[in-house]
PDB file of all heavy atoms in Angstrom:
ATOM      1  N   VAL A   1       4.575  -2.538  -8.019  1.00  0.00           N
ATOM      2  CA  VAL A   1       3.726  -3.744  -8.167  1.00  0.00           C
ATOM      3  C   VAL A   1       2.267  -3.416  -7.811  1.00  0.00           C
ATOM      4  O   VAL A   1       1.378  -3.888  -8.472  1.00  0.00           O
ATOM      5  CB  VAL A   1       4.299  -4.853  -7.265  1.00  0.00           C
ATOM      6  CG1 VAL A   1       3.336  -6.042  -7.190  1.00  0.00           C
ATOM      7  CG2 VAL A   1       5.665  -5.338  -7.765  1.00  0.00           C
ATOM      8  N   LEU A   2       2.064  -2.630  -6.731  1.00  0.00           N
ATOM      9  CA  LEU A   2       0.766  -2.239  -6.386  1.00  0.00           C
ATOM     10  C   LEU A   2       0.079  -1.413  -7.507  1.00  0.00           C
ATOM     11  O   LEU A   2      -1.120  -1.530  -7.778  1.00  0.00           O
ATOM     12  CB  LEU A   2       0.698  -1.481  -5.078  1.00  0.00           C
ATOM     13  CG  LEU A   2       1.025  -2.253  -3.791  1.00  0.00           C
ATOM     14  CD1 LEU A   2       1.062  -1.300  -2.588  1.00  0.00           C
ATOM     15  CD2 LEU A   2       0.010  -3.371  -3.558  1.00  0.00           C
ATOM     16  N   GLY A   3       0.923  -0.597  -8.125  1.00  0.00           N
ATOM     17  CA  GLY A   3       0.367   0.217  -9.214  1.00  0.00           C
ATOM     18  C   GLY A   3      -0.128  -0.626 -10.378  1.00  0.00           C
ATOM     19  O   GLY A   3      -1.085  -0.271 -11.083  1.00  0.00           O
ATOM     20  N   PHE A   4       0.605  -1.751 -10.626  1.00  0.00           N
ATOM     21  CA  PHE A   4       0.161  -2.642 -11.711  1.00  0.00           C
ATOM     22  C   PHE A   4      -1.060  -3.515 -11.269  1.00  0.00           C
ATOM     23  O   PHE A   4      -2.038  -3.655 -11.994  1.00  0.00           O
ATOM     24  CB  PHE A   4       1.298  -3.569 -12.084  1.00  0.00           C
ATOM     25  CG  PHE A   4       2.280  -2.989 -13.042  1.00  0.00           C
ATOM     26  CD1 PHE A   4       3.652  -2.859 -12.679  1.00  0.00           C
ATOM     27  CD2 PHE A   4       1.896  -2.520 -14.273  1.00  0.00           C
ATOM     28  CE1 PHE A   4       4.548  -2.251 -13.521  1.00  0.00           C
ATOM     29  CE2 PHE A   4       2.829  -1.923 -15.141  1.00  0.00           C
ATOM     30  CZ  PHE A   4       4.148  -1.834 -14.775  1.00  0.00           C
ATOM     31  N   ALA A   5      -0.946  -4.115 -10.050  1.00  0.00           N
ATOM     32  CA  ALA A   5      -1.927  -5.114  -9.653  1.00  0.00           C
ATOM     33  C   ALA A   5      -3.226  -4.477  -9.220  1.00  0.00           C
ATOM     34  O   ALA A   5      -4.336  -5.053  -9.425  1.00  0.00           O
ATOM     35  CB  ALA A   5      -1.328  -5.972  -8.552  1.00  0.00           C
ATOM     36  N   LEU A   6      -3.176  -3.334  -8.585  1.00  0.00           N
ATOM     37  CA  LEU A   6      -4.387  -2.713  -8.013  1.00  0.00           C
ATOM     38  C   LEU A   6      -4.662  -1.339  -8.602  1.00  0.00           C
ATOM     39  O   LEU A   6      -5.107  -0.422  -7.914  1.00  0.00           O
ATOM     40  CB  LEU A   6      -4.235  -2.637  -6.499  1.00  0.00           C
ATOM     41  CG  LEU A   6      -3.994  -3.944  -5.726  1.00  0.00           C
ATOM     42  CD1 LEU A   6      -3.768  -3.668  -4.238  1.00  0.00           C
ATOM     43  CD2 LEU A   6      -5.134  -4.899  -5.944  1.00  0.00           C
ATOM     44  N   GLN A   7      -4.424  -1.243  -9.906  1.00  0.00           N
ATOM     45  CA  GLN A   7      -4.578   0.082 -10.550  1.00  0.00           C
ATOM     46  C   GLN A   7      -6.000   0.628 -10.428  1.00  0.00           C
ATOM     47  O   GLN A   7      -6.209   1.803 -10.335  1.00  0.00           O
ATOM     48  CB  GLN A   7      -4.147  -0.003 -11.997  1.00  0.00           C
ATOM     49  CG  GLN A   7      -4.077   1.315 -12.708  1.00  0.00           C
ATOM     50  CD  GLN A   7      -3.420   1.190 -14.051  1.00  0.00           C
ATOM     51  OE1 GLN A   7      -3.187   0.071 -14.514  1.00  0.00           O
ATOM     52  NE2 GLN A   7      -3.147   2.326 -14.721  1.00  0.00           N
ATOM     53  N   GLY A   8      -6.952  -0.254 -10.458  1.00  0.00           N
ATOM     54  CA  GLY A   8      -8.358   0.148 -10.426  1.00  0.00           C
ATOM     55  C   GLY A   8      -8.932   0.228  -9.038  1.00  0.00           C
ATOM     56  O   GLY A   8     -10.126   0.524  -8.865  1.00  0.00           O
ATOM     57  N   SER A   9      -8.131  -0.028  -8.005  1.00  0.00           N
ATOM     58  CA  SER A   9      -8.631  -0.053  -6.620  1.00  0.00           C
ATOM     59  C   SER A   9      -7.661   0.791  -5.695  1.00  0.00           C
ATOM     60  O   SER A   9      -6.882   0.238  -4.968  1.00  0.00           O
ATOM     61  CB  SER A   9      -8.745  -1.464  -6.069  1.00  0.00           C
ATOM     62  OG  SER A   9      -9.580  -2.265  -6.899  1.00  0.00           O
ATOM     63  N   PRO A  10      -7.735   2.086  -5.824  1.00  0.00           N
ATOM     64  CA  PRO A  10      -6.857   2.950  -5.030  1.00  0.00           C
ATOM     65  C   PRO A  10      -7.007   2.776  -3.522  1.00  0.00           C
ATOM     66  O   PRO A  10      -6.028   2.833  -2.773  1.00  0.00           O
ATOM     67  CB  PRO A  10      -7.203   4.376  -5.477  1.00  0.00           C
ATOM     68  CG  PRO A  10      -8.573   4.278  -6.083  1.00  0.00           C
ATOM     69  CD  PRO A  10      -8.648   2.893  -6.670  1.00  0.00           C
ATOM     70  N   ALA A  11      -8.223   2.514  -3.108  1.00  0.00           N
ATOM     71  CA  ALA A  11      -8.441   2.342  -1.625  1.00  0.00           C
ATOM     72  C   ALA A  11      -7.746   1.069  -1.149  1.00  0.00           C
ATOM     73  O   ALA A  11      -7.088   1.101  -0.056  1.00  0.00           O
ATOM     74  CB  ALA A  11      -9.944   2.301  -1.316  1.00  0.00           C
ATOM     75  N   LEU A  12      -7.887  -0.013  -1.853  1.00  0.00           N
ATOM     76  CA  LEU A  12      -7.239  -1.250  -1.500  1.00  0.00           C
ATOM     77  C   LEU A  12      -5.733  -1.146  -1.607  1.00  0.00           C
ATOM     78  O   LEU A  12      -4.985  -1.637  -0.838  1.00  0.00           O
ATOM     79  CB  LEU A  12      -7.725  -2.403  -2.382  1.00  0.00           C
ATOM     80  CG  LEU A  12      -7.173  -3.792  -2.091  1.00  0.00           C
ATOM     81  CD1 LEU A  12      -7.477  -4.230  -0.657  1.00  0.00           C
ATOM     82  CD2 LEU A  12      -7.724  -4.839  -3.079  1.00  0.00           C
ATOM     83  N   GLN A  13      -5.276  -0.411  -2.633  1.00  0.00           N
ATOM     84  CA  GLN A  13      -3.859  -0.159  -2.817  1.00  0.00           C
ATOM     85  C   GLN A  13      -3.261   0.576  -1.580  1.00  0.00           C
ATOM     86  O   GLN A  13      -2.220   0.203  -1.048  1.00  0.00           O
ATOM     87  CB  GLN A  13      -3.600   0.708  -4.050  1.00  0.00           C
ATOM     88  CG  GLN A  13      -2.146   0.959  -4.417  1.00  0.00           C
ATOM     89  CD  GLN A  13      -2.036   1.901  -5.599  1.00  0.00           C
ATOM     90  OE1 GLN A  13      -2.264   3.104  -5.433  1.00  0.00           O
ATOM     91  NE2 GLN A  13      -1.689   1.386  -6.779  1.00  0.00           N
ATOM     92  N   GLN A  14      -3.994   1.601  -1.128  1.00  0.00           N
ATOM     93  CA  GLN A  14      -3.552   2.363   0.053  1.00  0.00           C
ATOM     94  C   GLN A  14      -3.544   1.450   1.296  1.00  0.00           C
ATOM     95  O   GLN A  14      -2.619   1.572   2.143  1.00  0.00           O
ATOM     96  CB  GLN A  14      -4.455   3.565   0.242  1.00  0.00           C
ATOM     97  CG  GLN A  14      -3.976   4.501   1.410  1.00  0.00           C
ATOM     98  CD  GLN A  14      -2.716   5.218   1.022  1.00  0.00           C
ATOM     99  OE1 GLN A  14      -2.584   5.729  -0.087  1.00  0.00           O
ATOM    100  NE2 GLN A  14      -1.768   5.291   1.946  1.00  0.00           N
ATOM    101  N   GLN A  15      -4.518   0.615   1.448  1.00  0.00           N
ATOM    102  CA  GLN A  15      -4.606  -0.255   2.614  1.00  0.00           C
ATOM    103  C   GLN A  15      -3.432  -1.261   2.680  1.00  0.00           C
ATOM    104  O   GLN A  15      -2.846  -1.460   3.698  1.00  0.00           O
ATOM    105  CB  GLN A  15      -5.937  -0.984   2.643  1.00  0.00           C
ATOM    106  CG  GLN A  15      -6.137  -1.885   3.832  1.00  0.00           C
ATOM    107  CD  GLN A  15      -7.494  -2.605   3.823  1.00  0.00           C
ATOM    108  OE1 GLN A  15      -8.276  -2.393   2.970  1.00  0.00           O
ATOM    109  NE2 GLN A  15      -7.711  -3.451   4.844  1.00  0.00           N
ATOM    110  N   VAL A  16      -3.157  -1.864   1.527  1.00  0.00           N
ATOM    111  CA  VAL A  16      -2.072  -2.798   1.488  1.00  0.00           C
ATOM    112  C   VAL A  16      -0.691  -2.053   1.777  1.00  0.00           C
ATOM    113  O   VAL A  16       0.162  -2.576   2.495  1.00  0.00           O
ATOM    114  CB  VAL A  16      -2.038  -3.510   0.128  1.00  0.00           C
ATOM    115  CG1 VAL A  16      -0.761  -4.383  -0.005  1.00  0.00           C
ATOM    116  CG2 VAL A  16      -3.262  -4.368  -0.047  1.00  0.00           C
ATOM    117  N   LEU A  17      -0.553  -0.889   1.185  1.00  0.00           N
ATOM    118  CA  LEU A  17       0.685  -0.156   1.381  1.00  0.00           C
ATOM    119  C   LEU A  17       0.862   0.227   2.851  1.00  0.00           C
ATOM    120  O   LEU A  17       1.931   0.125   3.403  1.00  0.00           O
ATOM    121  CB  LEU A  17       0.755   1.080   0.480  1.00  0.00           C
ATOM    122  CG  LEU A  17       2.018   1.889   0.554  1.00  0.00           C
ATOM    123  CD1 LEU A  17       3.190   1.102   0.003  1.00  0.00           C
ATOM    124  CD2 LEU A  17       1.886   3.211  -0.158  1.00  0.00           C
ATOM    125  N   ASP A  18      -0.239   0.717   3.443  1.00  0.00           N
ATOM    126  CA  ASP A  18      -0.182   1.046   4.872  1.00  0.00           C
ATOM    127  C   ASP A  18       0.204  -0.089   5.792  1.00  0.00           C
ATOM    128  O   ASP A  18       0.976   0.025   6.753  1.00  0.00           O
ATOM    129  CB  ASP A  18      -1.478   1.649   5.336  1.00  0.00           C
ATOM    130  CG  ASP A  18      -1.765   3.041   4.728  1.00  0.00           C
ATOM    131  OD1 ASP A  18      -0.790   3.643   4.278  1.00  0.00           O
ATOM    132  OD2 ASP A  18      -2.941   3.425   4.737  1.00  0.00           O
ATOM    133  N   SER A  19      -0.272  -1.285   5.447  1.00  0.00           N
ATOM    134  CA  SER A  19       0.026  -2.488   6.148  1.00  0.00           C
ATOM    135  C   SER A  19       1.527  -2.828   6.018  1.00  0.00           C
ATOM    136  O   SER A  19       2.180  -3.213   6.987  1.00  0.00           O
ATOM    137  CB  SER A  19      -0.840  -3.655   5.696  1.00  0.00           C
ATOM    138  OG  SER A  19      -2.194  -3.370   5.887  1.00  0.00           O
ATOM    139  N   ALA A  20       1.991  -2.699   4.775  1.00  0.00           N
ATOM    140  CA  ALA A  20       3.471  -2.985   4.591  1.00  0.00           C
ATOM    141  C   ALA A  20       4.310  -1.976   5.270  1.00  0.00           C
ATOM    142  O   ALA A  20       5.348  -2.287   5.892  1.00  0.00           O
ATOM    143  CB  ALA A  20       3.744  -2.970   3.043  1.00  0.00           C
ATOM    144  N   LEU A  21       3.946  -0.667   5.210  1.00  0.00           N
ATOM    145  CA  LEU A  21       4.767   0.391   5.818  1.00  0.00           C
ATOM    146  C   LEU A  21       4.694   0.308   7.346  1.00  0.00           C
ATOM    147  O   LEU A  21       5.510   0.954   8.019  1.00  0.00           O
ATOM    148  CB  LEU A  21       4.276   1.754   5.337  1.00  0.00           C
ATOM    149  CG  LEU A  21       4.524   2.044   3.873  1.00  0.00           C
ATOM    150  CD1 LEU A  21       3.967   3.380   3.473  1.00  0.00           C
ATOM    151  CD2 LEU A  21       5.995   1.979   3.529  1.00  0.00           C
ATOM    152  N   ALA A  22       3.822  -0.438   7.885  1.00  0.00           N
ATOM    153  CA  ALA A  22       3.790  -0.625   9.342  1.00  0.00           C
ATOM    154  C   ALA A  22       5.039  -1.333   9.835  1.00  0.00           C
ATOM    155  O   ALA A  22       5.432  -1.293  11.005  1.00  0.00           O
ATOM    156  CB  ALA A  22       2.537  -1.407   9.760  1.00  0.00           C
ATOM    157  N   GLN A  23       5.741  -2.085   8.943  1.00  0.00           N
ATOM    158  CA  GLN A  23       7.002  -2.725   9.243  1.00  0.00           C
ATOM    159  C   GLN A  23       8.092  -1.704   9.363  1.00  0.00           C
ATOM    160  O   GLN A  23       9.177  -2.015   9.916  1.00  0.00           O
ATOM    161  CB  GLN A  23       7.346  -3.770   8.173  1.00  0.00           C
ATOM    162  CG  GLN A  23       6.232  -4.779   7.887  1.00  0.00           C
ATOM    163  CD  GLN A  23       5.773  -5.524   9.147  1.00  0.00           C
ATOM    164  OE1 GLN A  23       6.650  -5.983   9.889  1.00  0.00           O
ATOM    165  NE2 GLN A  23       4.504  -5.633   9.347  1.00  0.00           N
ATOM    166  N   PHE A  24       7.868  -0.516   8.833  1.00  0.00           N
ATOM    167  CA  PHE A  24       8.900   0.543   8.884  1.00  0.00           C
ATOM    168  C   PHE A  24       8.218   1.815   9.493  1.00  0.00           C
ATOM    169  O   PHE A  24       7.941   2.742   8.814  1.00  0.00           O
ATOM    170  CB  PHE A  24       9.394   0.875   7.478  1.00  0.00           C
ATOM    171  CG  PHE A  24       9.774  -0.309   6.667  1.00  0.00           C
ATOM    172  CD1 PHE A  24       8.949  -0.802   5.704  1.00  0.00           C
ATOM    173  CD2 PHE A  24      10.942  -0.991   6.964  1.00  0.00           C
ATOM    174  CE1 PHE A  24       9.290  -1.916   4.948  1.00  0.00           C
ATOM    175  CE2 PHE A  24      11.296  -2.138   6.238  1.00  0.00           C
ATOM    176  CZ  PHE A  24      10.464  -2.593   5.262  1.00  0.00           C
ATOM    177  N   PRO A  25       8.011   1.760  10.830  1.00  0.00           N
ATOM    178  CA  PRO A  25       7.157   2.760  11.441  1.00  0.00           C
ATOM    179  C   PRO A  25       7.692   4.199  11.317  1.00  0.00           C
ATOM    180  O   PRO A  25       6.933   5.129  11.357  1.00  0.00           O
ATOM    181  CB  PRO A  25       7.113   2.314  12.929  1.00  0.00           C
ATOM    182  CG  PRO A  25       8.320   1.490  13.085  1.00  0.00           C
ATOM    183  CD  PRO A  25       8.558   0.796  11.756  1.00  0.00           C
ATOM    184  N   VAL A  26       8.983   4.401  11.214  1.00  0.00           N
ATOM    185  CA  VAL A  26       9.526   5.770  11.252  1.00  0.00           C
ATOM    186  C   VAL A  26       9.180   6.479   9.959  1.00  0.00           C
ATOM    187  O   VAL A  26       9.016   7.714   9.959  1.00  0.00           O
ATOM    188  CB  VAL A  26      11.056   5.714  11.452  1.00  0.00           C
ATOM    189  CG1 VAL A  26      11.628   7.074  11.421  1.00  0.00           C
ATOM    190  CG2 VAL A  26      11.354   5.068  12.770  1.00  0.00           C
ATOM    191  N   ILE A  27       9.070   5.784   8.839  1.00  0.00           N
ATOM    192  CA  ILE A  27       8.862   6.492   7.565  1.00  0.00           C
ATOM    193  C   ILE A  27       7.490   6.173   6.970  1.00  0.00           C
ATOM    194  O   ILE A  27       7.150   6.649   5.917  1.00  0.00           O
ATOM    195  CB  ILE A  27       9.966   6.117   6.549  1.00  0.00           C
ATOM    196  CG1 ILE A  27       9.907   4.617   6.275  1.00  0.00           C
ATOM    197  CG2 ILE A  27      11.302   6.581   6.990  1.00  0.00           C
ATOM    198  CD1 ILE A  27      10.711   4.204   5.082  1.00  0.00           C
ATOM    199  N   GLY A  28       6.721   5.315   7.628  1.00  0.00           N
ATOM    200  CA  GLY A  28       5.484   4.842   7.023  1.00  0.00           C
ATOM    201  C   GLY A  28       4.530   5.976   6.610  1.00  0.00           C
ATOM    202  O   GLY A  28       4.018   6.005   5.513  1.00  0.00           O
TER     203      GLY A  28
END
């Protein structure tokens, strides 16, 4: 979904993903 929605904003894509992966700290 991030690849579709934020295809032109890799920095924002990475920030959103890092925030989501904070819910899974062992593999984030």
